[in-house]
Every structure is written in structure tokens, then in C-alpha cells.
Amino acid sequence: MKKIQDVIVRPLITERSTLLKEKGKYSFEVHPNATKKEIKSAVETIFKKEKVEVTKVNTANVPAKIRRFGQNMSKAYRWKRAIVTVKPGQKIEFFEGA
């Protein structure tokens, strides 16, 4: 199993994620090889002060985009998104200020 710091790369704060926050769903960028069980345990460990219980984890692989710089073509990196659902009535305080 990977370290917790390796599983969760960063939280995603977008328009869509702020709308999902009201439903108890939080978005994170995770390591491309991370499994749902690793993501669940990492979120519960990082936010253990708030006693967060994860009920569901949905993941999606975001493909690399092709970028063009003059005549040169390159690919931006691919990444993985995880949408974590917490138990009803619970919330992650980290996202509340955003």
C-alpha cells in the first residue's frame, strides 16, 4: 500500500465540486494507480479529527490533452479524479472555506 501523501495529490475546487459539496461529495485528484480502498482509507485517515466516514468512492481517469506550441505537439499529463461521498450529516471542514 502507498503512503497517504502519495494517494491524495490535491483537493479539486471547481464549480462542479462546490455544487457536489452540498450533497456531501468531495473531489480529489489522486494517484493514477490508486484503488478505491486506498482512497477511502486515505481520506478517513487525513480527516480523522473530523471523524469522517466514507460511504462511496467514484473514480474517473482523465485522459491527457494534446497541447500545441507552434509546430511542436506534446501531451499534458493524465490524471485520476476521485469523488468521495461521506456519511449524511458529516462534512469536511477543509472545503467549507472555499
PDB file of N, CA and C in Angstrom:
ATOM      1  N   MET A   1       0.839  -1.194   0.000  1.00  0.00           N
ATOM      2  CA  MET A   1       0.000   0.000   0.000  1.00  0.00           C
ATOM      3  C   MET A   1       0.877   1.248   0.000  1.00  0.00           C
ATOM      4  N   LYS A   2       0.427   2.258  -0.674  1.00  0.00           N
ATOM      5  CA  LYS A   2       1.163   3.511  -0.775  1.00  0.00           C
ATOM      6  C   LYS A   2       0.976   4.349   0.491  1.00  0.00           C
ATOM      7  N   LYS A   3       1.821   5.356   0.646  1.00  0.00           N
ATOM      8  CA  LYS A   3       1.644   6.309   1.733  1.00  0.00           C
ATOM      9  C   LYS A   3       0.407   7.153   1.446  1.00  0.00           C
ATOM     10  N   ILE A   4      -0.170   7.702   2.475  1.00  0.00           N
ATOM     11  CA  ILE A   4      -1.366   8.536   2.324  1.00  0.00           C
ATOM     12  C   ILE A   4      -1.059   9.757   1.480  1.00  0.00           C
ATOM     13  N   GLN A   5       0.135  10.320   1.654  1.00  0.00           N
ATOM     14  CA  GLN A   5       0.509  11.511   0.894  1.00  0.00           C
ATOM     15  C   GLN A   5       0.655  11.200  -0.591  1.00  0.00           C
ATOM     16  N   ASP A   6       0.925   9.957  -0.937  1.00  0.00           N
ATOM     17  CA  ASP A   6       1.060   9.577  -2.337  1.00  0.00           C
ATOM     18  C   ASP A   6      -0.284   9.312  -2.985  1.00  0.00           C
ATOM     19  N   VAL A   7      -1.271   8.914  -2.209  1.00  0.00           N
ATOM     20  CA  VAL A   7      -2.593   8.578  -2.765  1.00  0.00           C
ATOM     21  C   VAL A   7      -3.356   9.847  -3.121  1.00  0.00           C
ATOM     22  N   ILE A   8      -3.521  10.753  -2.167  1.00  0.00           N
ATOM     23  CA  ILE A   8      -4.245  12.004  -2.400  1.00  0.00           C
ATOM     24  C   ILE A   8      -3.241  13.060  -2.859  1.00  0.00           C
ATOM     25  N   VAL A   9      -3.389  13.547  -4.090  1.00  0.00           N
ATOM     26  CA  VAL A   9      -2.468  14.553  -4.620  1.00  0.00           C
ATOM     27  C   VAL A   9      -2.907  15.945  -4.177  1.00  0.00           C
ATOM     28  N   ARG A  10      -4.187  16.285  -4.422  1.00  0.00           N
ATOM     29  CA  ARG A  10      -4.690  17.598  -4.030  1.00  0.00           C
ATOM     30  C   ARG A  10      -6.208  17.580  -4.083  1.00  0.00           C
ATOM     31  N   PRO A  11      -6.859  18.456  -3.354  1.00  0.00           N
ATOM     32  CA  PRO A  11      -8.310  18.587  -3.479  1.00  0.00           C
ATOM     33  C   PRO A  11      -8.649  19.390  -4.733  1.00  0.00           C
ATOM     34  N   LEU A  12      -9.773  19.084  -5.341  1.00  0.00           N
ATOM     35  CA  LEU A  12     -10.222  19.811  -6.522  1.00  0.00           C
ATOM     36  C   LEU A  12     -11.305  20.792  -6.110  1.00  0.00           C
ATOM     37  N   ILE A  13     -11.082  22.059  -6.391  1.00  0.00           N
ATOM     38  CA  ILE A  13     -12.069  23.080  -6.074  1.00  0.00           C
ATOM     39  C   ILE A  13     -12.483  23.727  -7.384  1.00  0.00           C
ATOM     40  N   THR A  14     -13.616  23.279  -7.905  1.00  0.00           N
ATOM     41  CA  THR A  14     -14.164  23.780  -9.151  1.00  0.00           C
ATOM     42  C   THR A  14     -15.637  24.119  -8.926  1.00  0.00           C
ATOM     43  N   GLU A  15     -16.288  24.633  -9.960  1.00  0.00           N
ATOM     44  CA  GLU A  15     -17.715  24.924  -9.831  1.00  0.00           C
ATOM     45  C   GLU A  15     -18.498  23.657  -9.539  1.00  0.00           C
ATOM     46  N   ARG A  16     -18.181  22.604 -10.270  1.00  0.00           N
ATOM     47  CA  ARG A  16     -18.901  21.351 -10.094  1.00  0.00           C
ATOM     48  C   ARG A  16     -18.675  20.772  -8.696  1.00  0.00           C
ATOM     49  N   SER A  17     -17.430  20.838  -8.208  1.00  0.00           N
ATOM     50  CA  SER A  17     -17.143  20.270  -6.896  1.00  0.00           C
ATOM     51  C   SER A  17     -17.817  21.063  -5.773  1.00  0.00           C
ATOM     52  N   THR A  18     -17.985  22.384  -5.953  1.00  0.00           N
ATOM     53  CA  THR A  18     -18.677  23.152  -4.923  1.00  0.00           C
ATOM     54  C   THR A  18     -20.170  22.830  -4.908  1.00  0.00           C
ATOM     55  N   LEU A  19     -20.740  22.512  -6.061  1.00  0.00           N
ATOM     56  CA  LEU A  19     -22.145  22.093  -6.090  1.00  0.00           C
ATOM     57  C   LEU A  19     -22.308  20.701  -5.475  1.00  0.00           C
ATOM     58  N   LEU A  20     -21.349  19.811  -5.713  1.00  0.00           N
ATOM     59  CA  LEU A  20     -21.407  18.471  -5.137  1.00  0.00           C
ATOM     60  C   LEU A  20     -21.190  18.490  -3.626  1.00  0.00           C
ATOM     61  N   LYS A  21     -20.461  19.499  -3.154  1.00  0.00           N
ATOM     62  CA  LYS A  21     -20.169  19.615  -1.718  1.00  0.00           C
ATOM     63  C   LYS A  21     -21.456  19.698  -0.899  1.00  0.00           C
ATOM     64  N   GLU A  22     -22.483  20.335  -1.464  1.00  0.00           N
ATOM     65  CA  GLU A  22     -23.756  20.461  -0.760  1.00  0.00           C
ATOM     66  C   GLU A  22     -24.444  19.104  -0.574  1.00  0.00           C
ATOM     67  N   LYS A  23     -24.110  18.139  -1.430  1.00  0.00           N
ATOM     68  CA  LYS A  23     -24.688  16.795  -1.346  1.00  0.00           C
ATOM     69  C   LYS A  23     -23.817  15.842  -0.528  1.00  0.00           C
ATOM     70  N   GLY A  24     -22.711  16.359   0.014  1.00  0.00           N
ATOM     71  CA  GLY A  24     -21.827  15.513   0.817  1.00  0.00           C
ATOM     72  C   GLY A  24     -20.799  14.770  -0.016  1.00  0.00           C
ATOM     73  N   LYS A  25     -20.484  15.300  -1.206  1.00  0.00           N
ATOM     74  CA  LYS A  25     -19.498  14.678  -2.088  1.00  0.00           C
ATOM     75  C   LYS A  25     -18.328  15.637  -2.264  1.00  0.00           C
ATOM     76  N   TYR A  26     -17.107  15.097  -2.176  1.00  0.00           N
ATOM     77  CA  TYR A  26     -15.901  15.905  -2.266  1.00  0.00           C
ATOM     78  C   TYR A  26     -14.981  15.327  -3.332  1.00  0.00           C
ATOM     79  N   SER A  27     -14.322  16.200  -4.100  1.00  0.00           N
ATOM     80  CA  SER A  27     -13.482  15.776  -5.220  1.00  0.00           C
ATOM     81  C   SER A  27     -12.004  15.925  -4.877  1.00  0.00           C
ATOM     82  N   PHE A  28     -11.224  14.936  -5.307  1.00  0.00           N
ATOM     83  CA  PHE A  28      -9.782  14.940  -5.098  1.00  0.00           C
ATOM     84  C   PHE A  28      -9.086  14.473  -6.366  1.00  0.00           C
ATOM     85  N   GLU A  29      -7.882  14.991  -6.595  1.00  0.00           N
ATOM     86  CA  GLU A  29      -7.003  14.400  -7.602  1.00  0.00           C
ATOM     87  C   GLU A  29      -6.189  13.353  -6.874  1.00  0.00           C
ATOM     88  N   VAL A  30      -6.165  12.148  -7.423  1.00  0.00           N
ATOM     89  CA  VAL A  30      -5.472  11.038  -6.762  1.00  0.00           C
ATOM     90  C   VAL A  30      -4.420  10.454  -7.701  1.00  0.00           C
ATOM     91  N   HIS A  31      -3.566   9.618  -7.149  1.00  0.00           N
ATOM     92  CA  HIS A  31      -2.538   8.941  -7.938  1.00  0.00           C
ATOM     93  C   HIS A  31      -3.221   8.034  -8.966  1.00  0.00           C
ATOM     94  N   PRO A  32      -2.729   7.987 -10.209  1.00  0.00           N
ATOM     95  CA  PRO A  32      -3.394   7.196 -11.246  1.00  0.00           C
ATOM     96  C   PRO A  32      -3.514   5.708 -10.941  1.00  0.00           C
ATOM     97  N   ASN A  33      -2.658   5.174 -10.088  1.00  0.00           N
ATOM     98  CA  ASN A  33      -2.723   3.749  -9.759  1.00  0.00           C
ATOM     99  C   ASN A  33      -3.426   3.470  -8.434  1.00  0.00           C
ATOM    100  N   ALA A  34      -3.991   4.472  -7.804  1.00  0.00           N
ATOM    101  CA  ALA A  34      -4.657   4.298  -6.513  1.00  0.00           C
ATOM    102  C   ALA A  34      -5.983   3.562  -6.688  1.00  0.00           C
ATOM    103  N   THR A  35      -6.263   2.657  -5.760  1.00  0.00           N
ATOM    104  CA  THR A  35      -7.516   1.918  -5.789  1.00  0.00           C
ATOM    105  C   THR A  35      -8.548   2.623  -4.919  1.00  0.00           C
ATOM    106  N   LYS A  36      -9.803   2.190  -5.045  1.00  0.00           N
ATOM    107  CA  LYS A  36     -10.867   2.815  -4.261  1.00  0.00           C
ATOM    108  C   LYS A  36     -10.676   2.577  -2.767  1.00  0.00           C
ATOM    109  N   LYS A  37     -10.191   1.407  -2.392  1.00  0.00           N
ATOM    110  CA  LYS A  37      -9.951   1.122  -0.973  1.00  0.00           C
ATOM    111  C   LYS A  37      -8.852   2.012  -0.406  1.00  0.00           C
ATOM    112  N   GLU A  38      -7.796   2.237  -1.181  1.00  0.00           N
ATOM    113  CA  GLU A  38      -6.712   3.115  -0.735  1.00  0.00           C
ATOM    114  C   GLU A  38      -7.197   4.558  -0.598  1.00  0.00           C
ATOM    115  N   ILE A  39      -8.039   4.996  -1.531  1.00  0.00           N
ATOM    116  CA  ILE A  39      -8.574   6.353  -1.476  1.00  0.00           C
ATOM    117  C   ILE A  39      -9.457   6.519  -0.249  1.00  0.00           C
ATOM    118  N   LYS A  40     -10.299   5.536   0.019  1.00  0.00           N
ATOM    119  CA  LYS A  40     -11.196   5.593   1.179  1.00  0.00           C
ATOM    120  C   LYS A  40     -10.402   5.671   2.479  1.00  0.00           C
ATOM    121  N   SER A  41      -9.405   4.807   2.635  1.00  0.00           N
ATOM    122  CA  SER A  41      -8.632   4.817   3.876  1.00  0.00           C
ATOM    123  C   SER A  41      -7.803   6.091   4.009  1.00  0.00           C
ATOM    124  N   ALA A  42      -7.311   6.636   2.885  1.00  0.00           N
ATOM    125  CA  ALA A  42      -6.524   7.867   2.939  1.00  0.00           C
ATOM    126  C   ALA A  42      -7.378   9.049   3.379  1.00  0.00           C
ATOM    127  N   VAL A  43      -8.591   9.170   2.845  1.00  0.00           N
ATOM    128  CA  VAL A  43      -9.474  10.282   3.218  1.00  0.00           C
ATOM    129  C   VAL A  43      -9.878  10.158   4.680  1.00  0.00           C
ATOM    130  N   GLU A  44     -10.207   8.955   5.125  1.00  0.00           N
ATOM    131  CA  GLU A  44     -10.602   8.767   6.530  1.00  0.00           C
ATOM    132  C   GLU A  44      -9.434   9.049   7.469  1.00  0.00           C
ATOM    133  N   THR A  45      -8.212   8.732   7.054  1.00  0.00           N
ATOM    134  CA  THR A  45      -7.043   8.983   7.897  1.00  0.00           C
ATOM    135  C   THR A  45      -6.687  10.468   7.942  1.00  0.00           C
ATOM    136  N   ILE A  46      -6.728  11.127   6.788  1.00  0.00           N
ATOM    137  CA  ILE A  46      -6.374  12.551   6.746  1.00  0.00           C
ATOM    138  C   ILE A  46      -7.367  13.388   7.544  1.00  0.00           C
ATOM    139  N   PHE A  47      -8.644  13.066   7.451  1.00  0.00           N
ATOM    140  CA  PHE A  47      -9.685  13.845   8.125  1.00  0.00           C
ATOM    141  C   PHE A  47     -10.238  13.113   9.341  1.00  0.00           C
ATOM    142  N   LYS A  48      -9.367  12.408  10.089  1.00  0.00           N
ATOM    143  CA  LYS A  48      -9.827  11.648  11.256  1.00  0.00           C
ATOM    144  C   LYS A  48     -10.233  12.550  12.420  1.00  0.00           C
ATOM    145  N   LYS A  49      -9.716  13.788  12.467  1.00  0.00           N
ATOM    146  CA  LYS A  49     -10.133  14.713  13.527  1.00  0.00           C
ATOM    147  C   LYS A  49     -11.621  15.045  13.402  1.00  0.00           C
ATOM    148  N   GLU A  50     -12.093  15.074  12.155  1.00  0.00           N
ATOM    149  CA  GLU A  50     -13.499  15.397  11.905  1.00  0.00           C
ATOM    150  C   GLU A  50     -14.384  14.154  11.917  1.00  0.00           C
ATOM    151  N   LYS A  51     -13.770  12.980  12.149  1.00  0.00           N
ATOM    152  CA  LYS A  51     -14.486  11.703  12.219  1.00  0.00           C
ATOM    153  C   LYS A  51     -15.331  11.474  10.960  1.00  0.00           C
ATOM    154  N   VAL A  52     -14.690  11.591   9.807  1.00  0.00           N
ATOM    155  CA  VAL A  52     -15.360  11.410   8.528  1.00  0.00           C
ATOM    156  C   VAL A  52     -15.413   9.933   8.183  1.00  0.00           C
ATOM    157  N   GLU A  53     -16.592   9.458   7.813  1.00  0.00           N
ATOM    158  CA  GLU A  53     -16.764   8.083   7.344  1.00  0.00           C
ATOM    159  C   GLU A  53     -17.157   8.122   5.878  1.00  0.00           C
ATOM    160  N   VAL A  54     -16.353   7.474   5.041  1.00  0.00           N
ATOM    161  CA  VAL A  54     -16.612   7.451   3.607  1.00  0.00           C
ATOM    162  C   VAL A  54     -17.566   6.304   3.292  1.00  0.00           C
ATOM    163  N   THR A  55     -18.647   6.623   2.563  1.00  0.00           N
ATOM    164  CA  THR A  55     -19.609   5.583   2.194  1.00  0.00           C
ATOM    165  C   THR A  55     -19.415   5.098   0.772  1.00  0.00           C
ATOM    166  N   LYS A  56     -18.872   5.971  -0.111  1.00  0.00           N
ATOM    167  CA  LYS A  56     -18.756   5.611  -1.511  1.00  0.00           C
ATOM    168  C   LYS A  56     -17.599   6.371  -2.153  1.00  0.00           C
ATOM    169  N   VAL A  57     -16.906   5.707  -3.080  1.00  0.00           N
ATOM    170  CA  VAL A  57     -15.827   6.342  -3.835  1.00  0.00           C
ATOM    171  C   VAL A  57     -16.051   6.065  -5.315  1.00  0.00           C
ATOM    172  N   ASN A  58     -16.149   7.127  -6.104  1.00  0.00           N
ATOM    173  CA  ASN A  58     -16.244   7.005  -7.557  1.00  0.00           C
ATOM    174  C   ASN A  58     -14.971   7.578  -8.153  1.00  0.00           C
ATOM    175  N   THR A  59     -14.416   6.887  -9.154  1.00  0.00           N
ATOM    176  CA  THR A  59     -13.192   7.352  -9.778  1.00  0.00           C
ATOM    177  C   THR A  59     -13.392   7.527 -11.278  1.00  0.00           C
ATOM    178  N   ALA A  60     -12.585   8.407 -11.862  1.00  0.00           N
ATOM    179  CA  ALA A  60     -12.609   8.628 -13.307  1.00  0.00           C
ATOM    180  C   ALA A  60     -11.204   8.982 -13.762  1.00  0.00           C
ATOM    181  N   ASN A  61     -10.756   8.340 -14.823  1.00  0.00           N
ATOM    182  CA  ASN A  61      -9.466   8.664 -15.411  1.00  0.00           C
ATOM    183  C   ASN A  61      -9.644   9.795 -16.405  1.00  0.00           C
ATOM    184  N   VAL A  62      -8.866  10.850 -16.240  1.00  0.00           N
ATOM    185  CA  VAL A  62      -8.933  11.995 -17.145  1.00  0.00           C
ATOM    186  C   VAL A  62      -7.783  11.835 -18.143  1.00  0.00           C
ATOM    187  N   PRO A  63      -8.092  11.696 -19.442  1.00  0.00           N
ATOM    188  CA  PRO A  63      -7.025  11.461 -20.419  1.00  0.00           C
ATOM    189  C   PRO A  63      -6.157  12.697 -20.633  1.00  0.00           C
ATOM    190  N   ALA A  64      -4.976  12.463 -21.181  1.00  0.00           N
ATOM    191  CA  ALA A  64      -4.045  13.552 -21.467  1.00  0.00           C
ATOM    192  C   ALA A  64      -4.560  14.381 -22.627  1.00  0.00           C
ATOM    193  N   LYS A  65      -4.409  15.689 -22.525  1.00  0.00           N
ATOM    194  CA  LYS A  65      -4.797  16.584 -23.604  1.00  0.00           C
ATOM    195  C   LYS A  65      -3.578  16.868 -24.478  1.00  0.00           C
ATOM    196  N   ILE A  66      -3.820  17.009 -25.768  1.00  0.00           N
ATOM    197  CA  ILE A  66      -2.737  17.342 -26.683  1.00  0.00           C
ATOM    198  C   ILE A  66      -2.595  18.858 -26.720  1.00  0.00           C
ATOM    199  N   ARG A  67      -1.385  19.328 -26.484  1.00  0.00           N
ATOM    200  CA  ARG A  67      -1.081  20.748 -26.485  1.00  0.00           C
ATOM    201  C   ARG A  67      -0.216  21.064 -27.699  1.00  0.00           C
ATOM    202  N   ARG A  68      -0.396  22.237 -28.252  1.00  0.00           N
ATOM    203  CA  ARG A  68       0.384  22.631 -29.409  1.00  0.00           C
ATOM    204  C   ARG A  68       1.159  23.901 -29.095  1.00  0.00           C
ATOM    205  N   PHE A  69       2.447  23.870 -29.350  1.00  0.00           N
ATOM    206  CA  PHE A  69       3.326  25.017 -29.186  1.00  0.00           C
ATOM    207  C   PHE A  69       4.007  25.254 -30.529  1.00  0.00           C
ATOM    208  N   GLY A  70       3.411  26.086 -31.363  1.00  0.00           N
ATOM    209  CA  GLY A  70       3.943  26.310 -32.708  1.00  0.00           C
ATOM    210  C   GLY A  70       3.804  25.039 -33.531  1.00  0.00           C
ATOM    211  N   GLN A  71       4.926  24.507 -34.007  1.00  0.00           N
ATOM    212  CA  GLN A  71       4.896  23.270 -34.779  1.00  0.00           C
ATOM    213  C   GLN A  71       4.963  22.043 -33.887  1.00  0.00           C
ATOM    214  N   ASN A  72       5.327  22.211 -32.645  1.00  0.00           N
ATOM    215  CA  ASN A  72       5.528  21.082 -31.752  1.00  0.00           C
ATOM    216  C   ASN A  72       4.220  20.671 -31.084  1.00  0.00           C
ATOM    217  N   MET A  73       4.025  19.365 -30.965  1.00  0.00           N
ATOM    218  CA  MET A  73       2.864  18.814 -30.273  1.00  0.00           C
ATOM    219  C   MET A  73       3.370  18.058 -29.048  1.00  0.00           C
ATOM    220  N   SER A  74       2.668  18.193 -27.956  1.00  0.00           N
ATOM    221  CA  SER A  74       3.019  17.442 -26.752  1.00  0.00           C
ATOM    222  C   SER A  74       1.749  17.103 -26.009  1.00  0.00           C
ATOM    223  N   LYS A  75       1.869  16.231 -25.015  1.00  0.00           N
ATOM    224  CA  LYS A  75       0.713  15.827 -24.230  1.00  0.00           C
ATOM    225  C   LYS A  75       0.851  16.332 -22.804  1.00  0.00           C
ATOM    226  N   ALA A  76      -0.224  16.884 -22.290  1.00  0.00           N
ATOM    227  CA  ALA A  76      -0.282  17.216 -20.870  1.00  0.00           C
ATOM    228  C   ALA A  76      -0.499  15.899 -20.128  1.00  0.00           C
ATOM    229  N   TYR A  77      -0.143  15.827 -18.872  1.00  0.00           N
ATOM    230  CA  TYR A  77      -0.210  14.561 -18.162  1.00  0.00           C
ATOM    231  C   TYR A  77      -1.654  14.111 -17.918  1.00  0.00           C
ATOM    232  N   ARG A  78      -1.836  12.808 -17.824  1.00  0.00           N
ATOM    233  CA  ARG A  78      -3.142  12.253 -17.494  1.00  0.00           C
ATOM    234  C   ARG A  78      -3.234  12.153 -15.973  1.00  0.00           C
ATOM    235  N   TRP A  79      -4.453  12.165 -15.462  1.00  0.00           N
ATOM    236  CA  TRP A  79      -4.630  12.103 -14.033  1.00  0.00           C
ATOM    237  C   TRP A  79      -5.928  11.399 -13.694  1.00  0.00           C
ATOM    238  N   LYS A  80      -6.159  11.189 -12.415  1.00  0.00           N
ATOM    239  CA  LYS A  80      -7.334  10.458 -11.955  1.00  0.00           C
ATOM    240  C   LYS A  80      -8.088  11.301 -10.942  1.00  0.00           C
ATOM    241  N   ARG A  81      -9.401  11.346 -11.090  1.00  0.00           N
ATOM    242  CA  ARG A  81     -10.269  12.097 -10.195  1.00  0.00           C
ATOM    243  C   ARG A  81     -11.031  11.101  -9.316  1.00  0.00           C
ATOM    244  N   ALA A  82     -11.187  11.446  -8.062  1.00  0.00           N
ATOM    245  CA  ALA A  82     -11.993  10.639  -7.145  1.00  0.00           C
ATOM    246  C   ALA A  82     -13.051  11.535  -6.518  1.00  0.00           C
ATOM    247  N   ILE A  83     -14.307  11.078  -6.575  1.00  0.00           N
ATOM    248  CA  ILE A  83     -15.400  11.777  -5.907  1.00  0.00           C
ATOM    249  C   ILE A  83     -15.803  10.914  -4.717  1.00  0.00           C
ATOM    250  N   VAL A  84     -15.604  11.461  -3.533  1.00  0.00           N
ATOM    251  CA  VAL A  84     -15.803  10.728  -2.288  1.00  0.00           C
ATOM    252  C   VAL A  84     -17.100  11.188  -1.642  1.00  0.00           C
ATOM    253  N   THR A  85     -17.979  10.242  -1.319  1.00  0.00           N
ATOM    254  CA  THR A  85     -19.226  10.543  -0.631  1.00  0.00           C
ATOM    255  C   THR A  85     -19.062  10.199   0.843  1.00  0.00           C
ATOM    256  N   VAL A  86     -19.408  11.151   1.716  1.00  0.00           N
ATOM    257  CA  VAL A  86     -19.319  10.915   3.155  1.00  0.00           C
ATOM    258  C   VAL A  86     -20.710  10.616   3.711  1.00  0.00           C
ATOM    259  N   LYS A  87     -20.727  10.109   4.920  1.00  0.00           N
ATOM    260  CA  LYS A  87     -21.977   9.756   5.581  1.00  0.00           C
ATOM    261  C   LYS A  87     -22.866  10.993   5.722  1.00  0.00           C
ATOM    262  N   PRO A  88     -24.184  10.862   5.582  1.00  0.00           N
ATOM    263  CA  PRO A  88     -25.073  12.032   5.704  1.00  0.00           C
ATOM    264  C   PRO A  88     -24.901  12.734   7.052  1.00  0.00           C
ATOM    265  N   GLY A  89     -24.855  14.047   7.011  1.00  0.00           N
ATOM    266  CA  GLY A  89     -24.680  14.841   8.222  1.00  0.00           C
ATOM    267  C   GLY A  89     -23.231  15.186   8.516  1.00  0.00           C
ATOM    268  N   GLN A  90     -22.290  14.533   7.849  1.00  0.00           N
ATOM    269  CA  GLN A  90     -20.875  14.823   8.062  1.00  0.00           C
ATOM    270  C   GLN A  90     -20.370  15.744   6.958  1.00  0.00           C
ATOM    271  N   LYS A  91     -19.301  16.465   7.266  1.00  0.00           N
ATOM    272  CA  LYS A  91     -18.699  17.323   6.264  1.00  0.00           C
ATOM    273  C   LYS A  91     -17.212  17.453   6.549  1.00  0.00           C
ATOM    274  N   ILE A  92     -16.482  17.841   5.519  1.00  0.00           N
ATOM    275  CA  ILE A  92     -15.036  18.060   5.629  1.00  0.00           C
ATOM    276  C   ILE A  92     -14.835  19.565   5.726  1.00  0.00           C
ATOM    277  N   GLU A  93     -14.311  20.018   6.845  1.00  0.00           N
ATOM    278  CA  GLU A  93     -14.157  21.450   7.112  1.00  0.00           C
ATOM    279  C   GLU A  93     -13.167  22.113   6.158  1.00  0.00           C
ATOM    280  N   PHE A  94     -12.228  21.348   5.604  1.00  0.00           N
ATOM    281  CA  PHE A  94     -11.230  21.902   4.705  1.00  0.00           C
ATOM    282  C   PHE A  94     -11.873  22.582   3.510  1.00  0.00           C
ATOM    283  N   PHE A  95     -12.973  22.041   3.015  1.00  0.00           N
ATOM    284  CA  PHE A  95     -13.631  22.567   1.831  1.00  0.00           C
ATOM    285  C   PHE A  95     -14.603  23.705   2.146  1.00  0.00           C
ATOM    286  N   GLU A  96     -14.971  23.879   3.390  1.00  0.00           N
ATOM    287  CA  GLU A  96     -16.006  24.848   3.735  1.00  0.00           C
ATOM    288  C   GLU A  96     -15.593  26.297   3.493  1.00  0.00           C
ATOM    289  N   GLY A  97     -14.306  26.611   3.571  1.00  0.00           N
ATOM    290  CA  GLY A  97     -13.844  27.972   3.363  1.00  0.00           C
ATOM    291  C   GLY A  97     -13.706  28.345   1.889  1.00  0.00           C
ATOM    292  N   ALA A  98     -13.735  27.333   1.027  1.00  0.00           N
ATOM    293  CA  ALA A  98     -13.507  27.587  -0.407  1.00  0.00           C
ATOM    294  C   ALA A  98     -14.776  28.006  -1.098  1.00  0.00           C
TER     295      ALA A  98
END
